[in-house]
Full PDB file with SEQRES, HELIX, SHEET, SSBOND, CRYST1, ORIGX, SCALE, CONECT and MASTER records, all heavy atoms in Angstrom:
SEQRES   1 A   37  GLY ALA PRO VAL GLY GLY MET VAL GLY TYR TYR SER LEU          
SEQRES   2 A   37  GLN SER ASN ARG VAL ARG MET TYR ASP LEU THR GLY GLY          
SEQRES   3 A   37  GLU ALA ARG ARG ALA PRO GLY SER ARG GLY SER                  
HELIX    1 AA1 GLY A   26  ARG A   29  5                                   4    
SHEET    1 AA1 2 GLY A   9  TYR A  11  0                                        
SHEET    2 AA1 2 VAL A  18  MET A  20 -1                                        
CRYST1    1.000    1.000    1.000  90.00  90.00  90.00 P 1           1          
ORIGX1      1.000000  0.000000  0.000000        0.00000                         
ORIGX2      0.000000  1.000000  0.000000        0.00000                         
ORIGX3      0.000000  0.000000  1.000000        0.00000                         
SCALE1      1.000000  0.000000  0.000000        0.00000                         
SCALE2      0.000000  1.000000  0.000000        0.00000                         
SCALE3      0.000000  0.000000  1.000000        0.00000                         
ATOM      1  N   GLY A   1     -43.587-186.194-190.526  1.00  0.00           N  
ATOM      2  CA  GLY A   1     -44.643-187.127-190.888  1.00  0.00           C  
ATOM      3  C   GLY A   1     -45.514-187.530-189.724  1.00  0.00           C  
ATOM      4  O   GLY A   1     -46.343-188.423-189.840  1.00  0.00           O  
ATOM      5  N   ALA A   2     -45.329-186.882-188.566  1.00  0.00           N  
ATOM      6  CA  ALA A   2     -46.118-187.197-187.371  1.00  0.00           C  
ATOM      7  C   ALA A   2     -46.031-186.011-186.428  1.00  0.00           C  
ATOM      8  O   ALA A   2     -45.048-185.263-186.449  1.00  0.00           O  
ATOM      9  CB  ALA A   2     -45.588-188.458-186.687  1.00  0.00           C  
ATOM     10  N   PRO A   3     -47.031-185.812-185.566  1.00  0.00           N  
ATOM     11  CA  PRO A   3     -46.982-184.721-184.591  1.00  0.00           C  
ATOM     12  C   PRO A   3     -45.824-184.903-183.615  1.00  0.00           C  
ATOM     13  O   PRO A   3     -45.389-186.025-183.351  1.00  0.00           O  
ATOM     14  CB  PRO A   3     -48.334-184.832-183.868  1.00  0.00           C  
ATOM     15  CG  PRO A   3     -49.210-185.607-184.788  1.00  0.00           C  
ATOM     16  CD  PRO A   3     -48.301-186.558-185.518  1.00  0.00           C  
ATOM     17  N   VAL A   4     -45.328-183.798-183.071  1.00  0.00           N  
ATOM     18  CA  VAL A   4     -44.195-183.856-182.152  1.00  0.00           C  
ATOM     19  C   VAL A   4     -44.629-183.991-180.695  1.00  0.00           C  
ATOM     20  O   VAL A   4     -43.796-184.057-179.807  1.00  0.00           O  
ATOM     21  CB  VAL A   4     -43.300-182.605-182.295  1.00  0.00           C  
ATOM     22  CG1 VAL A   4     -42.617-182.598-183.630  1.00  0.00           C  
ATOM     23  CG2 VAL A   4     -44.117-181.332-182.094  1.00  0.00           C  
ATOM     24  N   GLY A   5     -45.932-184.020-180.447  1.00  0.00           N  
ATOM     25  CA  GLY A   5     -46.392-184.148-179.070  1.00  0.00           C  
ATOM     26  C   GLY A   5     -46.035-182.922-178.259  1.00  0.00           C  
ATOM     27  O   GLY A   5     -46.165-181.791-178.724  1.00  0.00           O  
ATOM     28  N   GLY A   6     -45.553-183.122-177.036  1.00  0.00           N  
ATOM     29  CA  GLY A   6     -45.249-181.997-176.167  1.00  0.00           C  
ATOM     30  C   GLY A   6     -43.833-181.480-176.277  1.00  0.00           C  
ATOM     31  O   GLY A   6     -43.412-180.664-175.453  1.00  0.00           O  
ATOM     32  N   MET A   7     -43.084-181.931-177.249  1.00  0.00           N  
ATOM     33  CA  MET A   7     -41.690-181.511-177.374  1.00  0.00           C  
ATOM     34  C   MET A   7     -41.598-180.071-177.864  1.00  0.00           C  
ATOM     35  O   MET A   7     -42.281-179.672-178.804  1.00  0.00           O  
ATOM     36  CB  MET A   7     -40.945-182.422-178.344  1.00  0.00           C  
ATOM     37  CG  MET A   7     -40.816-183.841-177.862  1.00  0.00           C  
ATOM     38  SD  MET A   7     -40.043-184.861-179.128  1.00  0.00           S  
ATOM     39  CE  MET A   7     -38.503-183.964-179.363  1.00  0.00           C  
ATOM     40  N   VAL A   8     -40.719-179.273-177.253  1.00  0.00           N  
ATOM     41  CA  VAL A   8     -40.570-177.865-177.642  1.00  0.00           C  
ATOM     42  C   VAL A   8     -39.466-177.675-178.691  1.00  0.00           C  
ATOM     43  O   VAL A   8     -39.266-176.579-179.187  1.00  0.00           O  
ATOM     44  CB  VAL A   8     -40.279-176.967-176.428  1.00  0.00           C  
ATOM     45  CG1 VAL A   8     -41.400-177.079-175.413  1.00  0.00           C  
ATOM     46  CG2 VAL A   8     -38.930-177.314-175.794  1.00  0.00           C  
ATOM     47  N   GLY A   9     -38.772-178.750-179.013  1.00  0.00           N  
ATOM     48  CA  GLY A   9     -37.724-178.671-180.022  1.00  0.00           C  
ATOM     49  C   GLY A   9     -37.198-180.056-180.326  1.00  0.00           C  
ATOM     50  O   GLY A   9     -37.382-180.984-179.543  1.00  0.00           O  
ATOM     51  N   TYR A  10     -36.563-180.205-181.482  1.00  0.00           N  
ATOM     52  CA  TYR A  10     -35.955-181.480-181.842  1.00  0.00           C  
ATOM     53  C   TYR A  10     -34.844-181.255-182.856  1.00  0.00           C  
ATOM     54  O   TYR A  10     -34.792-180.234-183.552  1.00  0.00           O  
ATOM     55  CB  TYR A  10     -36.989-182.451-182.417  1.00  0.00           C  
ATOM     56  CG  TYR A  10     -37.614-182.003-183.730  1.00  0.00           C  
ATOM     57  CD1 TYR A  10     -37.035-182.323-184.953  1.00  0.00           C  
ATOM     58  CD2 TYR A  10     -38.779-181.244-183.742  1.00  0.00           C  
ATOM     59  CE1 TYR A  10     -37.588-181.904-186.152  1.00  0.00           C  
ATOM     60  CE2 TYR A  10     -39.343-180.821-184.928  1.00  0.00           C  
ATOM     61  CZ  TYR A  10     -38.744-181.147-186.129  1.00  0.00           C  
ATOM     62  OH  TYR A  10     -39.292-180.721-187.310  1.00  0.00           O  
ATOM     63  N   TYR A  11     -33.951-182.220-182.918  1.00  0.00           N  
ATOM     64  CA  TYR A  11     -32.896-182.257-183.940  1.00  0.00           C  
ATOM     65  C   TYR A  11     -33.217-183.379-184.901  1.00  0.00           C  
ATOM     66  O   TYR A  11     -33.484-184.511-184.486  1.00  0.00           O  
ATOM     67  CB  TYR A  11     -31.529-182.493-183.296  1.00  0.00           C  
ATOM     68  CG  TYR A  11     -30.455-182.867-184.301  1.00  0.00           C  
ATOM     69  CD1 TYR A  11     -30.046-181.975-185.290  1.00  0.00           C  
ATOM     70  CD2 TYR A  11     -29.861-184.133-184.278  1.00  0.00           C  
ATOM     71  CE1 TYR A  11     -29.078-182.326-186.225  1.00  0.00           C  
ATOM     72  CE2 TYR A  11     -28.891-184.493-185.200  1.00  0.00           C  
ATOM     73  CZ  TYR A  11     -28.500-183.579-186.170  1.00  0.00           C  
ATOM     74  OH  TYR A  11     -27.551-183.932-187.102  1.00  0.00           O  
ATOM     75  N   SER A  12     -33.183-183.097-186.190  1.00  0.00           N  
ATOM     76  CA  SER A  12     -33.430-184.102-187.213  1.00  0.00           C  
ATOM     77  C   SER A  12     -32.117-184.579-187.810  1.00  0.00           C  
ATOM     78  O   SER A  12     -31.342-183.771-188.350  1.00  0.00           O  
ATOM     79  CB  SER A  12     -34.315-183.523-188.324  1.00  0.00           C  
ATOM     80  OG  SER A  12     -34.309-184.368-189.455  1.00  0.00           O  
ATOM     81  N   LEU A  13     -31.867-185.872-187.725  1.00  0.00           N  
ATOM     82  CA  LEU A  13     -30.679-186.442-188.366  1.00  0.00           C  
ATOM     83  C   LEU A  13     -30.732-186.249-189.878  1.00  0.00           C  
ATOM     84  O   LEU A  13     -29.698-186.087-190.522  1.00  0.00           O  
ATOM     85  CB  LEU A  13     -30.581-187.938-188.062  1.00  0.00           C  
ATOM     86  CG  LEU A  13     -30.049-188.358-186.693  1.00  0.00           C  
ATOM     87  CD1 LEU A  13     -30.106-189.869-186.574  1.00  0.00           C  
ATOM     88  CD2 LEU A  13     -28.634-187.867-186.486  1.00  0.00           C  
ATOM     89  N   GLN A  14     -31.923-186.285-190.452  1.00  0.00           N  
ATOM     90  CA  GLN A  14     -32.035-186.191-191.903  1.00  0.00           C  
ATOM     91  C   GLN A  14     -31.709-184.786-192.394  1.00  0.00           C  
ATOM     92  O   GLN A  14     -30.861-184.603-193.251  1.00  0.00           O  
ATOM     93  CB  GLN A  14     -33.437-186.604-192.357  1.00  0.00           C  
ATOM     94  CG  GLN A  14     -33.572-186.829-193.862  1.00  0.00           C  
ATOM     95  CD  GLN A  14     -33.831-185.550-194.637  1.00  0.00           C  
ATOM     96  OE1 GLN A  14     -34.423-184.608-194.125  1.00  0.00           O  
ATOM     97  NE2 GLN A  14     -33.367-185.518-195.874  1.00  0.00           N  
ATOM     98  N   SER A  15     -32.357-183.783-191.844  1.00  0.00           N  
ATOM     99  CA  SER A  15     -32.147-182.420-192.325  1.00  0.00           C  
ATOM    100  C   SER A  15     -30.938-181.752-191.692  1.00  0.00           C  
ATOM    101  O   SER A  15     -30.445-180.745-192.199  1.00  0.00           O  
ATOM    102  CB  SER A  15     -33.391-181.569-192.055  1.00  0.00           C  
ATOM    103  OG  SER A  15     -33.534-181.319-190.659  1.00  0.00           O  
ATOM    104  N   ASN A  16     -30.477-182.279-190.568  1.00  0.00           N  
ATOM    105  CA  ASN A  16     -29.359-181.729-189.797  1.00  0.00           C  
ATOM    106  C   ASN A  16     -29.724-180.398-189.139  1.00  0.00           C  
ATOM    107  O   ASN A  16     -28.850-179.598-188.824  1.00  0.00           O  
ATOM    108  CB  ASN A  16     -28.108-181.548-190.664  1.00  0.00           C  
ATOM    109  CG  ASN A  16     -26.831-181.468-189.839  1.00  0.00           C  
ATOM    110  OD1 ASN A  16     -26.703-182.131-188.810  1.00  0.00           O  
ATOM    111  ND2 ASN A  16     -25.886-180.652-190.264  1.00  0.00           N  
ATOM    112  N   ARG A  17     -31.011-180.177-188.914  1.00  0.00           N  
ATOM    113  CA  ARG A  17     -31.468-178.910-188.350  1.00  0.00           C  
ATOM    114  C   ARG A  17     -32.161-179.119-187.010  1.00  0.00           C  
ATOM    115  O   ARG A  17     -32.749-180.165-186.766  1.00  0.00           O  
ATOM    116  CB  ARG A  17     -32.442-178.216-189.316  1.00  0.00           C  
ATOM    117  CG  ARG A  17     -31.827-177.917-190.662  1.00  0.00           C  
ATOM    118  CD  ARG A  17     -32.873-177.391-191.647  1.00  0.00           C  
ATOM    119  NE  ARG A  17     -32.276-177.186-192.975  1.00  0.00           N  
ATOM    120  CZ  ARG A  17     -32.949-176.767-194.037  1.00  0.00           C  
ATOM    121  NH1 ARG A  17     -34.261-176.516-193.931  1.00  0.00           N  
ATOM    122  NH2 ARG A  17     -32.338-176.605-195.194  1.00  0.00           N  
ATOM    123  N   VAL A  18     -32.082-178.091-186.172  1.00  0.00           N  
ATOM    124  CA  VAL A  18     -32.886-178.026-184.957  1.00  0.00           C  
ATOM    125  C   VAL A  18     -34.087-177.140-185.257  1.00  0.00           C  
ATOM    126  O   VAL A  18     -33.948-176.082-185.883  1.00  0.00           O  
ATOM    127  CB  VAL A  18     -32.076-177.444-183.776  1.00  0.00           C  
ATOM    128  CG1 VAL A  18     -32.998-177.089-182.607  1.00  0.00           C  
ATOM    129  CG2 VAL A  18     -31.009-178.434-183.318  1.00  0.00           C  
ATOM    130  N   ARG A  19     -35.258-177.582-184.835  1.00  0.00           N  
ATOM    131  CA  ARG A  19     -36.473-176.783-184.984  1.00  0.00           C  
ATOM    132  C   ARG A  19     -37.079-176.569-183.605  1.00  0.00           C  
ATOM    133  O   ARG A  19     -37.144-177.502-182.796  1.00  0.00           O  
ATOM    134  CB  ARG A  19     -37.470-177.488-185.906  1.00  0.00           C  
ATOM    135  CG  ARG A  19     -38.658-176.611-186.321  1.00  0.00           C  
ATOM    136  CD  ARG A  19     -39.624-177.376-187.200  1.00  0.00           C  
ATOM    137  NE  ARG A  19     -39.054-177.730-188.489  1.00  0.00           N  
ATOM    138  CZ  ARG A  19     -39.153-176.981-189.584  1.00  0.00           C  
ATOM    139  NH1 ARG A  19     -39.790-175.816-189.534  1.00  0.00           N  
ATOM    140  NH2 ARG A  19     -38.626-177.393-190.727  1.00  0.00           N  
ATOM    141  N   MET A  20     -37.540-175.358-183.322  1.00  0.00           N  
ATOM    142  CA  MET A  20     -38.088-175.005-182.014  1.00  0.00           C  
ATOM    143  C   MET A  20     -39.059-173.844-182.190  1.00  0.00           C  
ATOM    144  O   MET A  20     -39.345-173.429-183.313  1.00  0.00           O  
ATOM    145  CB  MET A  20     -36.956-174.619-181.053  1.00  0.00           C  
ATOM    146  CG  MET A  20     -36.112-173.450-181.554  1.00  0.00           C  
ATOM    147  SD  MET A  20     -34.810-172.914-180.435  1.00  0.00           S  
ATOM    148  CE  MET A  20     -35.783-172.114-179.152  1.00  0.00           C  
ATOM    149  N   TYR A  21     -39.577-173.320-181.074  1.00  0.00           N  
ATOM    150  CA  TYR A  21     -40.402-172.121-181.138  1.00  0.00           C  
ATOM    151  C   TYR A  21     -40.006-171.171-180.019  1.00  0.00           C  
ATOM    152  O   TYR A  21     -39.215-171.508-179.143  1.00  0.00           O  
ATOM    153  CB  TYR A  21     -41.896-172.456-181.096  1.00  0.00           C  
ATOM    154  CG  TYR A  21     -42.379-173.140-179.838  1.00  0.00           C  
ATOM    155  CD1 TYR A  21     -42.766-172.410-178.719  1.00  0.00           C  
ATOM    156  CD2 TYR A  21     -42.483-174.523-179.780  1.00  0.00           C  
ATOM    157  CE1 TYR A  21     -43.229-173.034-177.572  1.00  0.00           C  
ATOM    158  CE2 TYR A  21     -42.958-175.165-178.644  1.00  0.00           C  
ATOM    159  CZ  TYR A  21     -43.327-174.405-177.547  1.00  0.00           C  
ATOM    160  OH  TYR A  21     -43.783-175.034-176.410  1.00  0.00           O  
ATOM    161  N   ASP A  22     -40.543-169.964-180.067  1.00  0.00           N  
ATOM    162  CA  ASP A  22     -40.216-168.923-179.098  1.00  0.00           C  
ATOM    163  C   ASP A  22     -40.674-169.353-177.706  1.00  0.00           C  
ATOM    164  O   ASP A  22     -41.873-169.422-177.426  1.00  0.00           O  
ATOM    165  CB  ASP A  22     -40.897-167.618-179.515  1.00  0.00           C  
ATOM    166  CG  ASP A  22     -40.462-166.427-178.675  1.00  0.00           C  
ATOM    167  OD1 ASP A  22     -40.028-166.619-177.530  1.00  0.00           O  
ATOM    168  OD2 ASP A  22     -40.581-165.286-179.169  1.00  0.00           O  
ATOM    169  N   LEU A  23     -39.728-169.629-176.824  1.00  0.00           N  
ATOM    170  CA  LEU A  23     -40.042-170.148-175.498  1.00  0.00           C  
ATOM    171  C   LEU A  23     -40.665-169.098-174.591  1.00  0.00           C  
ATOM    172  O   LEU A  23     -41.222-169.433-173.542  1.00  0.00           O  
ATOM    173  CB  LEU A  23     -38.773-170.696-174.839  1.00  0.00           C  
ATOM    174  CG  LEU A  23     -38.030-171.789-175.608  1.00  0.00           C  
ATOM    175  CD1 LEU A  23     -36.806-172.244-174.821  1.00  0.00           C  
ATOM    176  CD2 LEU A  23     -38.946-172.959-175.903  1.00  0.00           C  
ATOM    177  N   THR A  24     -40.563-167.815-174.951  1.00  0.00           N  
ATOM    178  CA  THR A  24     -41.144-166.764-174.113  1.00  0.00           C  
ATOM    179  C   THR A  24     -42.627-166.599-174.380  1.00  0.00           C  
ATOM    180  O   THR A  24     -43.317-165.867-173.672  1.00  0.00           O  
ATOM    181  CB  THR A  24     -40.465-165.415-174.368  1.00  0.00           C  
ATOM    182  OG1 THR A  24     -40.779-164.949-175.684  1.00  0.00           O  
ATOM    183  CG2 THR A  24     -38.958-165.525-174.208  1.00  0.00           C  
ATOM    184  N   GLY A  25     -43.153-167.231-175.423  1.00  0.00           N  
ATOM    185  CA  GLY A  25     -44.542-167.030-175.796  1.00  0.00           C  
ATOM    186  C   GLY A  25     -44.728-165.854-176.710  1.00  0.00           C  
ATOM    187  O   GLY A  25     -45.849-165.476-177.053  1.00  0.00           O  
ATOM    188  N   GLY A  26     -43.624-165.244-177.139  1.00  0.00           N  
ATOM    189  CA  GLY A  26     -43.687-164.160-178.112  1.00  0.00           C  
ATOM    190  C   GLY A  26     -44.345-162.914-177.563  1.00  0.00           C  
ATOM    191  O   GLY A  26     -44.307-162.620-176.370  1.00  0.00           O  
ATOM    192  N   GLU A  27     -44.984-162.169-178.448  1.00  0.00           N  
ATOM    193  CA  GLU A  27     -45.551-160.878-178.099  1.00  0.00           C  
ATOM    194  C   GLU A  27     -46.587-160.967-176.988  1.00  0.00           C  
ATOM    195  O   GLU A  27     -46.745-160.055-176.182  1.00  0.00           O  
ATOM    196  CB  GLU A  27     -46.200-160.246-179.340  1.00  0.00           C  
ATOM    197  CG  GLU A  27     -45.243-160.019-180.498  1.00  0.00           C  
ATOM    198  CD  GLU A  27     -44.235-158.931-180.192  1.00  0.00           C  
ATOM    199  OE1 GLU A  27     -44.499-158.116-179.286  1.00  0.00           O  
ATOM    200  OE2 GLU A  27     -43.178-158.909-180.844  1.00  0.00           O  
ATOM    201  N   ALA A  28     -47.306-162.109-176.940  1.00  0.00           N  
ATOM    202  CA  ALA A  28     -48.430-162.209-176.008  1.00  0.00           C  
ATOM    203  C   ALA A  28     -47.999-162.108-174.550  1.00  0.00           C  
ATOM    204  O   ALA A  28     -48.775-161.672-173.700  1.00  0.00           O  
ATOM    205  CB  ALA A  28     -49.171-163.528-176.234  1.00  0.00           C  
ATOM    206  N   ARG A  29     -46.770-162.478-174.233  1.00  0.00           N  
ATOM    207  CA  ARG A  29     -46.351-162.509-172.835  1.00  0.00           C  
ATOM    208  C   ARG A  29     -45.388-161.394-172.477  1.00  0.00           C  
ATOM    209  O   ARG A  29     -44.880-161.337-171.363  1.00  0.00           O  
ATOM    210  CB  ARG A  29     -45.706-163.865-172.513  1.00  0.00           C  
ATOM    211  CG  ARG A  29     -46.707-165.005-172.489  1.00  0.00           C  
ATOM    212  CD  ARG A  29     -46.034-166.307-172.138  1.00  0.00           C  
ATOM    213  NE  ARG A  29     -45.295-166.209-170.884  1.00  0.00           N  
ATOM    214  CZ  ARG A  29     -44.449-167.149-170.447  1.00  0.00           C  
ATOM    215  NH1 ARG A  29     -44.260-168.231-171.161  1.00  0.00           N  
ATOM    216  NH2 ARG A  29     -43.815-167.014-169.309  1.00  0.00           N  
ATOM    217  N   ARG A  30     -45.106-160.498-173.409  1.00  0.00           N  
ATOM    218  CA  ARG A  30     -44.192-159.408-173.104  1.00  0.00           C  
ATOM    219  C   ARG A  30     -44.902-158.290-172.350  1.00  0.00           C  
ATOM    220  O   ARG A  30     -46.096-158.071-172.519  1.00  0.00           O  
ATOM    221  CB  ARG A  30     -43.567-158.862-174.394  1.00  0.00           C  
ATOM    222  CG  ARG A  30     -42.646-159.885-175.038  1.00  0.00           C  
ATOM    223  CD  ARG A  30     -41.785-159.252-176.108  1.00  0.00           C  
ATOM    224  NE  ARG A  30     -41.117-160.332-176.821  1.00  0.00           N  
ATOM    225  CZ  ARG A  30     -41.273-160.587-178.104  1.00  0.00           C  
ATOM    226  NH1 ARG A  30     -42.037-159.819-178.841  1.00  0.00           N  
ATOM    227  NH2 ARG A  30     -40.648-161.602-178.657  1.00  0.00           N  
ATOM    228  N   ALA A  31     -44.149-157.570-171.568  1.00  0.00           N  
ATOM    229  CA  ALA A  31     -44.709-156.436-170.841  1.00  0.00           C  
ATOM    230  C   ALA A  31     -45.159-155.367-171.830  1.00  0.00           C  
ATOM    231  O   ALA A  31     -44.570-155.208-172.902  1.00  0.00           O  
ATOM    232  CB  ALA A  31     -43.653-155.879-169.879  1.00  0.00           C  
ATOM    233  N   PRO A  32     -46.208-154.605-171.482  1.00  0.00           N  
ATOM    234  CA  PRO A  32     -46.682-153.547-172.374  1.00  0.00           C  
ATOM    235  C   PRO A  32     -45.559-152.582-172.731  1.00  0.00           C  
ATOM    236  O   PRO A  32     -44.805-152.140-171.861  1.00  0.00           O  
ATOM    237  CB  PRO A  32     -47.768-152.865-171.543  1.00  0.00           C  
ATOM    238  CG  PRO A  32     -48.240-153.913-170.599  1.00  0.00           C  
ATOM    239  CD  PRO A  32     -47.027-154.725-170.278  1.00  0.00           C  
ATOM    240  N   GLY A  33     -45.427-152.285-174.004  1.00  0.00           N  
ATOM    241  CA  GLY A  33     -44.403-151.362-174.465  1.00  0.00           C  
ATOM    242  C   GLY A  33     -43.034-151.982-174.629  1.00  0.00           C  
ATOM    243  O   GLY A  33     -42.092-151.326-175.066  1.00  0.00           O  
ATOM    244  N   SER A  34     -42.884-153.273-174.279  1.00  0.00           N  
ATOM    245  CA  SER A  34     -41.581-153.927-174.395  1.00  0.00           C  
ATOM    246  C   SER A  34     -41.259-154.251-175.834  1.00  0.00           C  
ATOM    247  O   SER A  34     -42.138-154.503-176.644  1.00  0.00           O  
ATOM    248  CB  SER A  34     -41.573-155.219-173.580  1.00  0.00           C  
ATOM    249  OG  SER A  34     -40.467-156.015-173.919  1.00  0.00           O  
ATOM    250  N   ARG A  35     -39.984-154.252-176.147  1.00  0.00           N  
ATOM    251  CA  ARG A  35     -39.535-154.620-177.488  1.00  0.00           C  
ATOM    252  C   ARG A  35     -38.855-155.984-177.503  1.00  0.00           C  
ATOM    253  O   ARG A  35     -38.178-156.335-178.452  1.00  0.00           O  
ATOM    254  CB  ARG A  35     -38.579-153.552-178.031  1.00  0.00           C  
ATOM    255  CG  ARG A  35     -39.236-152.189-178.220  1.00  0.00           C  
ATOM    256  CD  ARG A  35     -38.267-151.209-178.848  1.00  0.00           C  
ATOM    257  NE  ARG A  35     -38.904-149.913-179.069  1.00  0.00           N  
ATOM    258  CZ  ARG A  35     -38.273-148.866-179.615  1.00  0.00           C  
ATOM    259  NH1 ARG A  35     -37.011-148.968-179.979  1.00  0.00           N  
ATOM    260  NH2 ARG A  35     -38.922-147.723-179.776  1.00  0.00           N  
ATOM    261  N   GLY A  36     -39.024-156.732-176.432  1.00  0.00           N  
ATOM    262  CA  GLY A  36     -38.411-158.052-176.393  1.00  0.00           C  
ATOM    263  C   GLY A  36     -36.912-157.975-176.247  1.00  0.00           C  
ATOM    264  O   GLY A  36     -36.170-158.644-176.970  1.00  0.00           O  
ATOM    265  N   SER A  37     -36.421-157.151-175.305  1.00  0.00           N  
ATOM    266  CA  SER A  37     -34.993-156.983-175.110  1.00  0.00           C  
ATOM    267  C   SER A  37     -34.384-158.254-174.539  1.00  0.00           C  
ATOM    268  O   SER A  37     -35.073-159.099-173.962  1.00  0.00           O  
ATOM    269  CB  SER A  37     -34.722-155.816-174.153  1.00  0.00           C  
ATOM    270  OG  SER A  37     -35.188-156.138-172.851  1.00  0.00           O  
TER     271      SER A  37                                                      
MASTER        0    0    0    1    2    0    0    6  270    1    0    3          
END                                                                             
């Protein structure tokens, strides 16, 4: 119900889940030809 600001992850007491995102930046920051090993 509100933005998370600069937080990269959080645990919700209500849902009992952790939510986050790909800390590597995903495909955009991988070396050319890499498969994300």
